[in-house]
C-alpha atoms as a PDB file:
ATOM      1  CA  MET A   1      70.980 253.758  90.070  1.00  0.00           C
ATOM      2  CA  MET A   2      70.728 257.352  88.849  1.00  0.00           C
ATOM      3  CA  LYS A   3      68.323 258.180  86.015  1.00  0.00           C
ATOM      4  CA  TRP A   4      71.080 258.804  83.457  1.00  0.00           C
ATOM      5  CA  HIS A   5      72.721 255.490  84.411  1.00  0.00           C
ATOM      6  CA  VAL A   6      69.421 253.755  83.625  1.00  0.00           C
ATOM      7  CA  GLU A   7      69.157 255.599  80.302  1.00  0.00           C
ATOM      8  CA  LEU A   8      72.753 254.713  79.410  1.00  0.00           C
ATOM      9  CA  SER A   9      72.127 251.070  80.340  1.00  0.00           C
ATOM     10  CA  LYS A  10      69.131 251.026  77.985  1.00  0.00           C
ATOM     11  CA  GLU A  11      71.224 252.582  75.206  1.00  0.00           C
ATOM     12  CA  ILE A  12      73.985 249.993  75.695  1.00  0.00           C
ATOM     13  CA  SER A  13      71.366 247.208  75.657  1.00  0.00           C
ATOM     14  CA  TYR A  14      69.970 248.494  72.402  1.00  0.00           C
ATOM     15  CA  ALA A  15      73.438 248.737  70.849  1.00  0.00           C
ATOM     16  CA  LEU A  16      74.715 245.337  71.985  1.00  0.00           C
ATOM     17  CA  ARG A  17      71.500 243.298  71.844  1.00  0.00           C
ATOM     18  CA  HIS A  18      69.408 244.710  69.042  1.00  0.00           C
ATOM     19  CA  ALA A  19      71.155 247.120  66.642  1.00  0.00           C
ATOM     20  CA  PRO A  20      74.974 246.919  66.660  1.00  0.00           C
ATOM     21  CA  TRP A  21      75.068 248.134  63.034  1.00  0.00           C
ATOM     22  CA  GLU A  22      73.578 251.494  64.102  1.00  0.00           C
ATOM     23  CA  TYR A  23      76.699 252.033  66.248  1.00  0.00           C
ATOM     24  CA  GLU A  24      79.084 250.524  63.668  1.00  0.00           C
ATOM     25  CA  LEU A  25      80.022 247.698  66.026  1.00  0.00           C
ATOM     26  CA  GLU A  26      81.931 244.625  64.879  1.00  0.00           C
ATOM     27  CA  MET A  27      80.643 241.793  67.053  1.00  0.00           C
ATOM     28  CA  ASP A  28      82.351 238.413  67.362  1.00  0.00           C
ATOM     29  CA  GLU A  29      80.478 235.098  67.623  1.00  0.00           C
ATOM     30  CA  ALA A  30      80.337 235.366  71.439  1.00  0.00           C
ATOM     31  CA  GLY A  31      78.826 238.874  71.318  1.00  0.00           C
ATOM     32  CA  TRP A  32      81.982 240.790  72.269  1.00  0.00           C
ATOM     33  CA  VAL A  33      82.773 244.215  70.788  1.00  0.00           C
ATOM     34  CA  LEU A  34      85.707 246.483  71.472  1.00  0.00           C
ATOM     35  CA  THR A  35      84.842 248.857  74.313  1.00  0.00           C
ATOM     36  CA  GLU A  36      86.361 251.785  72.382  1.00  0.00           C
ATOM     37  CA  GLN A  37      84.176 250.929  69.393  1.00  0.00           C
ATOM     38  CA  LEU A  38      81.053 251.072  71.569  1.00  0.00           C
ATOM     39  CA  LEU A  39      82.210 254.333  73.147  1.00  0.00           C
ATOM     40  CA  ASP A  40      82.778 255.850  69.690  1.00  0.00           C
ATOM     41  CA  GLY A  41      79.260 254.825  68.671  1.00  0.00           C
ATOM     42  CA  LEU A  42      77.684 256.183  71.852  1.00  0.00           C
ATOM     43  CA  ARG A  43      79.596 259.486  71.665  1.00  0.00           C
ATOM     44  CA  ARG A  44      77.962 260.298  68.322  1.00  0.00           C
ATOM     45  CA  LYS A  45      74.845 261.173  70.325  1.00  0.00           C
ATOM     46  CA  PRO A  46      75.052 264.491  72.208  1.00  0.00           C
ATOM     47  CA  GLN A  47      73.862 263.083  75.554  1.00  0.00           C
ATOM     48  CA  TRP A  48      76.688 260.494  75.590  1.00  0.00           C
ATOM     49  CA  ARG A  49      79.612 262.662  74.372  1.00  0.00           C
ATOM     50  CA  THR A  50      81.454 262.377  77.692  1.00  0.00           C
ATOM     51  CA  VAL A  51      80.895 258.652  78.299  1.00  0.00           C
ATOM     52  CA  SER A  52      84.089 256.813  79.219  1.00  0.00           C
ATOM     53  CA  ALA A  53      85.112 253.226  79.926  1.00  0.00           C
ATOM     54  CA  ASP A  54      84.931 254.127  83.631  1.00  0.00           C
ATOM     55  CA  THR A  55      81.319 255.237  83.117  1.00  0.00           C
ATOM     56  CA  LEU A  56      80.510 251.873  81.497  1.00  0.00           C
ATOM     57  CA  ARG A  57      82.128 250.019  84.397  1.00  0.00           C
ATOM     58  CA  GLU A  58      80.055 252.114  86.832  1.00  0.00           C
ATOM     59  CA  VAL A  59      76.807 251.299  84.992  1.00  0.00           C
ATOM     60  CA  ILE A  60      77.688 247.592  85.049  1.00  0.00           C
ATOM     61  CA  ARG A  61      78.589 247.701  88.752  1.00  0.00           C
ATOM     62  CA  LEU A  62      75.405 249.538  89.766  1.00  0.00           C
ATOM     63  CA  SER A  63      73.012 247.495  87.636  1.00  0.00           C
ATOM     64  CA  GLU A  64      70.868 245.024  89.553  1.00  0.00           C
ATOM     65  CA  LYS A  65      70.097 243.053  86.381  1.00  0.00           C
ATOM     66  CA  LYS A  66      73.718 242.288  85.448  1.00  0.00           C
ATOM     67  CA  ARG A  67      73.164 242.570  81.688  1.00  0.00           C
ATOM     68  CA  PHE A  68      76.765 243.228  80.601  1.00  0.00           C
ATOM     69  CA  GLU A  69      80.352 242.285  81.239  1.00  0.00           C
ATOM     70  CA  MET A  70      83.638 243.972  80.356  1.00  0.00           C
ATOM     71  CA  LYS A  71      87.077 242.415  80.135  1.00  0.00           C
ATOM     72  CA  ASP A  72      90.256 242.680  78.100  1.00  0.00           C
ATOM     73  CA  GLY A  73      89.130 245.885  76.379  1.00  0.00           C
ATOM     74  CA  LYS A  74      85.821 244.382  75.263  1.00  0.00           C
ATOM     75  CA  ILE A  75      82.173 244.502  76.363  1.00  0.00           C
ATOM     76  CA  ARG A  76      79.146 242.284  75.694  1.00  0.00           C
ATOM     77  CA  ALA A  77      75.563 241.737  76.730  1.00  0.00           C
ATOM     78  CA  PHE A  78      74.987 238.452  78.555  1.00  0.00           C
ATOM     79  CA  TYR A  79      71.584 237.735  76.976  1.00  0.00           C
ATOM     80  CA  GLY A  80      68.553 239.188  75.223  1.00  0.00           C
ATOM     81  CA  HIS A  81      69.926 239.414  71.688  1.00  0.00           C
ATOM     82  CA  SER A  82      67.497 239.825  68.803  1.00  0.00           C
ATOM     83  CA  ILE A  83      70.115 240.295  66.082  1.00  0.00           C
ATOM     84  CA  PRO A  84      70.237 237.846  63.144  1.00  0.00           C
ATOM     85  CA  MET A  85      73.725 236.560  64.026  1.00  0.00           C
ATOM     86  CA  ARG A  86      73.407 233.830  66.645  1.00  0.00           C
ATOM     87  CA  ILE A  87      75.459 234.540  69.770  1.00  0.00           C
ATOM     88  CA  SER A  88      77.163 231.336  70.862  1.00  0.00           C
ATOM     89  CA  LYS A  89      76.857 230.328  74.504  1.00  0.00           C
ATOM     90  CA  GLU A  90      78.630 227.657  76.493  1.00  0.00           C
ATOM     91  CA  GLU A  91      76.354 224.809  77.492  1.00  0.00           C
ATOM     92  CA  LYS A  92      76.031 224.353  81.276  1.00  0.00           C
ATOM     93  CA  ARG A  93      74.194 222.002  83.612  1.00  0.00           C
ATOM     94  CA  PRO A  94      71.254 223.970  85.048  1.00  0.00           C
ATOM     95  CA  PRO A  95      69.863 223.941  88.584  1.00  0.00           C
ATOM     96  CA  ASP A  96      67.201 221.260  89.107  1.00  0.00           C
ATOM     97  CA  VAL A  97      64.376 223.796  88.805  1.00  0.00           C
ATOM     98  CA  LEU A  98      64.085 227.039  86.836  1.00  0.00           C
ATOM     99  CA  TYR A  99      61.195 229.497  86.443  1.00  0.00           C
ATOM    100  CA  HIS A 100      59.605 231.580  83.726  1.00  0.00           C
ATOM    101  CA  GLY A 101      57.102 234.370  84.343  1.00  0.00           C
ATOM    102  CA  THR A 102      54.525 234.892  81.614  1.00  0.00           C
ATOM    103  CA  ALA A 103      51.190 236.541  80.913  1.00  0.00           C
ATOM    104  CA  ARG A 104      48.116 234.348  81.301  1.00  0.00           C
ATOM    105  CA  ARG A 105      47.150 235.029  77.673  1.00  0.00           C
ATOM    106  CA  PHE A 106      50.248 233.121  76.472  1.00  0.00           C
ATOM    107  CA  LEU A 107      49.484 229.892  78.359  1.00  0.00           C
ATOM    108  CA  GLU A 108      47.527 228.182  75.579  1.00  0.00           C
ATOM    109  CA  SER A 109      50.339 228.795  73.114  1.00  0.00           C
ATOM    110  CA  ILE A 110      52.885 227.470  75.634  1.00  0.00           C
ATOM    111  CA  ARG A 111      50.757 224.380  76.286  1.00  0.00           C
ATOM    112  CA  SER A 112      50.673 223.569  72.581  1.00  0.00           C
ATOM    113  CA  GLY A 113      54.223 224.500  71.588  1.00  0.00           C
ATOM    114  CA  GLY A 114      56.303 224.842  74.743  1.00  0.00           C
ATOM    115  CA  LEU A 115      58.503 227.820  75.509  1.00  0.00           C
ATOM    116  CA  LEU A 116      60.025 229.312  72.372  1.00  0.00           C
ATOM    117  CA  PRO A 117      62.411 232.257  72.044  1.00  0.00           C
ATOM    118  CA  ARG A 118      60.025 234.230  69.775  1.00  0.00           C
ATOM    119  CA  GLY A 119      61.911 237.418  68.808  1.00  0.00           C
ATOM    120  CA  ARG A 120      64.992 236.535  70.853  1.00  0.00           C
ATOM    121  CA  GLN A 121      67.724 233.990  70.340  1.00  0.00           C
ATOM    122  CA  TYR A 122      67.031 232.010  73.498  1.00  0.00           C
ATOM    123  CA  VAL A 123      64.229 231.352  75.980  1.00  0.00           C
ATOM    124  CA  HIS A 124      64.961 233.266  79.195  1.00  0.00           C
ATOM    125  CA  LEU A 125      64.541 231.392  82.469  1.00  0.00           C
ATOM    126  CA  SER A 126      65.010 232.621  86.029  1.00  0.00           C
ATOM    127  CA  GLN A 127      66.862 230.974  88.845  1.00  0.00           C
ATOM    128  CA  ASP A 128      64.333 232.276  91.386  1.00  0.00           C
ATOM    129  CA  VAL A 129      60.569 232.805  91.526  1.00  0.00           C
ATOM    130  CA  GLU A 130      60.873 236.516  92.391  1.00  0.00           C
ATOM    131  CA  THR A 131      62.760 237.334  89.181  1.00  0.00           C
ATOM    132  CA  ALA A 132      60.305 235.280  87.098  1.00  0.00           C
ATOM    133  CA  GLU A 133      57.384 237.098  88.707  1.00  0.00           C
ATOM    134  CA  CYS A 134      58.951 240.528  87.989  1.00  0.00           C
ATOM    135  CA  VAL A 135      59.448 239.546  84.351  1.00  0.00           C
ATOM    136  CA  GLY A 136      55.894 238.225  84.073  1.00  0.00           C
ATOM    137  CA  LYS A 137      54.450 241.412  85.565  1.00  0.00           C
ATOM    138  CA  ARG A 138      55.800 243.382  82.611  1.00  0.00           C
ATOM    139  CA  HIS A 139      52.992 241.810  80.556  1.00  0.00           C
ATOM    140  CA  ASP A 140      50.320 240.869  83.106  1.00  0.00           C
ATOM    141  CA  GLY A 141      49.472 242.169  86.589  1.00  0.00           C
ATOM    142  CA  LYS A 142      48.848 238.593  87.736  1.00  0.00           C
ATOM    143  CA  PRO A 143      51.312 236.518  85.743  1.00  0.00           C
ATOM    144  CA  CYS A 144      51.646 232.768  85.694  1.00  0.00           C
ATOM    145  CA  ILE A 145      54.849 231.254  86.932  1.00  0.00           C
ATOM    146  CA  LEU A 146      56.059 228.302  84.933  1.00  0.00           C
ATOM    147  CA  VAL A 147      58.106 225.838  86.951  1.00  0.00           C
ATOM    148  CA  ILE A 148      60.632 224.127  84.698  1.00  0.00           C
ATOM    149  CA  ASP A 149      61.919 220.643  85.556  1.00  0.00           C
ATOM    150  CA  ALA A 150      65.357 221.606  84.272  1.00  0.00           C
ATOM    151  CA  LYS A 151      67.041 218.515  85.697  1.00  0.00           C
ATOM    152  CA  ARG A 152      64.821 216.143  83.716  1.00  0.00           C
ATOM    153  CA  ALA A 153      64.979 218.330  80.604  1.00  0.00           C
ATOM    154  CA  TRP A 154      68.793 218.401  80.809  1.00  0.00           C
ATOM    155  CA  GLN A 155      68.899 214.624  81.245  1.00  0.00           C
ATOM    156  CA  ASP A 156      66.679 214.301  78.155  1.00  0.00           C
ATOM    157  CA  GLY A 157      69.067 216.428  76.071  1.00  0.00           C
ATOM    158  CA  VAL A 158      67.678 219.957  76.340  1.00  0.00           C
ATOM    159  CA  LYS A 159      70.589 222.400  76.217  1.00  0.00           C
ATOM    160  CA  PHE A 160      70.865 225.140  78.850  1.00  0.00           C
ATOM    161  CA  TYR A 161      73.261 228.079  78.971  1.00  0.00           C
ATOM    162  CA  LEU A 162      74.152 230.387  81.839  1.00  0.00           C
ATOM    163  CA  GLY A 163      73.139 233.988  81.117  1.00  0.00           C
ATOM    164  CA  ASN A 164      74.258 235.435  84.462  1.00  0.00           C
ATOM    165  CA  GLU A 165      73.786 234.549  88.126  1.00  0.00           C
ATOM    166  CA  LYS A 166      69.972 234.903  87.875  1.00  0.00           C
ATOM    167  CA  VAL A 167      69.207 234.173  84.215  1.00  0.00           C
ATOM    168  CA  TRP A 168      69.476 230.881  82.358  1.00  0.00           C
ATOM    169  CA  LEU A 169      68.898 230.394  78.645  1.00  0.00           C
ATOM    170  CA  ALA A 170      67.583 227.518  76.553  1.00  0.00           C
ATOM    171  CA  ASP A 171      66.934 227.036  72.851  1.00  0.00           C
ATOM    172  CA  SER A 172      63.365 225.952  73.702  1.00  0.00           C
ATOM    173  CA  VAL A 173      61.581 224.012  76.444  1.00  0.00           C
ATOM    174  CA  SER A 174      58.892 221.440  75.633  1.00  0.00           C
ATOM    175  CA  TYR A 175      55.685 221.635  77.662  1.00  0.00           C
ATOM    176  CA  GLN A 176      56.370 218.176  79.138  1.00  0.00           C
ATOM    177  CA  TYR A 177      58.940 219.833  81.446  1.00  0.00           C
ATOM    178  CA  ILE A 178      56.641 222.662  82.556  1.00  0.00           C
ATOM    179  CA  ARG A 179      54.237 222.950  85.479  1.00  0.00           C
ATOM    180  CA  VAL A 180      52.033 226.066  85.680  1.00  0.00           C
ATOM    181  CA  GLN A 181      51.402 228.066  88.847  1.00  0.00           C
ATOM    182  CA  THR A 182      49.750 231.453  89.239  1.00  0.00           C
ATOM    183  CA  SER A 183      51.893 233.984  91.105  1.00  0.00           C
ATOM    184  CA  ALA A 184      49.468 233.854  94.065  1.00  0.00           C
ATOM    185  CA  GLN A 185      50.247 230.137  94.500  1.00  0.00           C
ATOM    186  CA  VAL A 186      54.005 230.614  94.726  1.00  0.00           C
END
């Protein structure tokens, strides 16, 4: 992806996930906003004056992380919201095992309280070890990989939601469903 595509993707993330009011966006309970409303908000900044719906579609198509979707004249972020309004998600049955990459310094807190969303609305889980390891490396060069027994958690009533094809969400995950591995063991 070209550098300006990456920068635009970050700007869209900020607008849709963290500060919709700064762009004067009216978000529904599922996180959707009118595409034209987002474009109007983006175009107020000189570097995004020429952004079009086609540009947004291109950013979405080229993005490896699949953070957004567009349909019926609307756009939304799949996950990662930190806004006060809770974005509703449809509950789904998860794969049997999910993963979460984290810094070693957070392990004691996770052991005592489980995985919590902290500043986000949901706990983010990965469908594969590689994605979890990449996420964990943002905070620690040798992250721990948490292996989540999602099947057992689901059977015990933990709710899971599909973020996109690689990311799953949960309200929280108790430590009883977690096994810890260092990235070197995976």
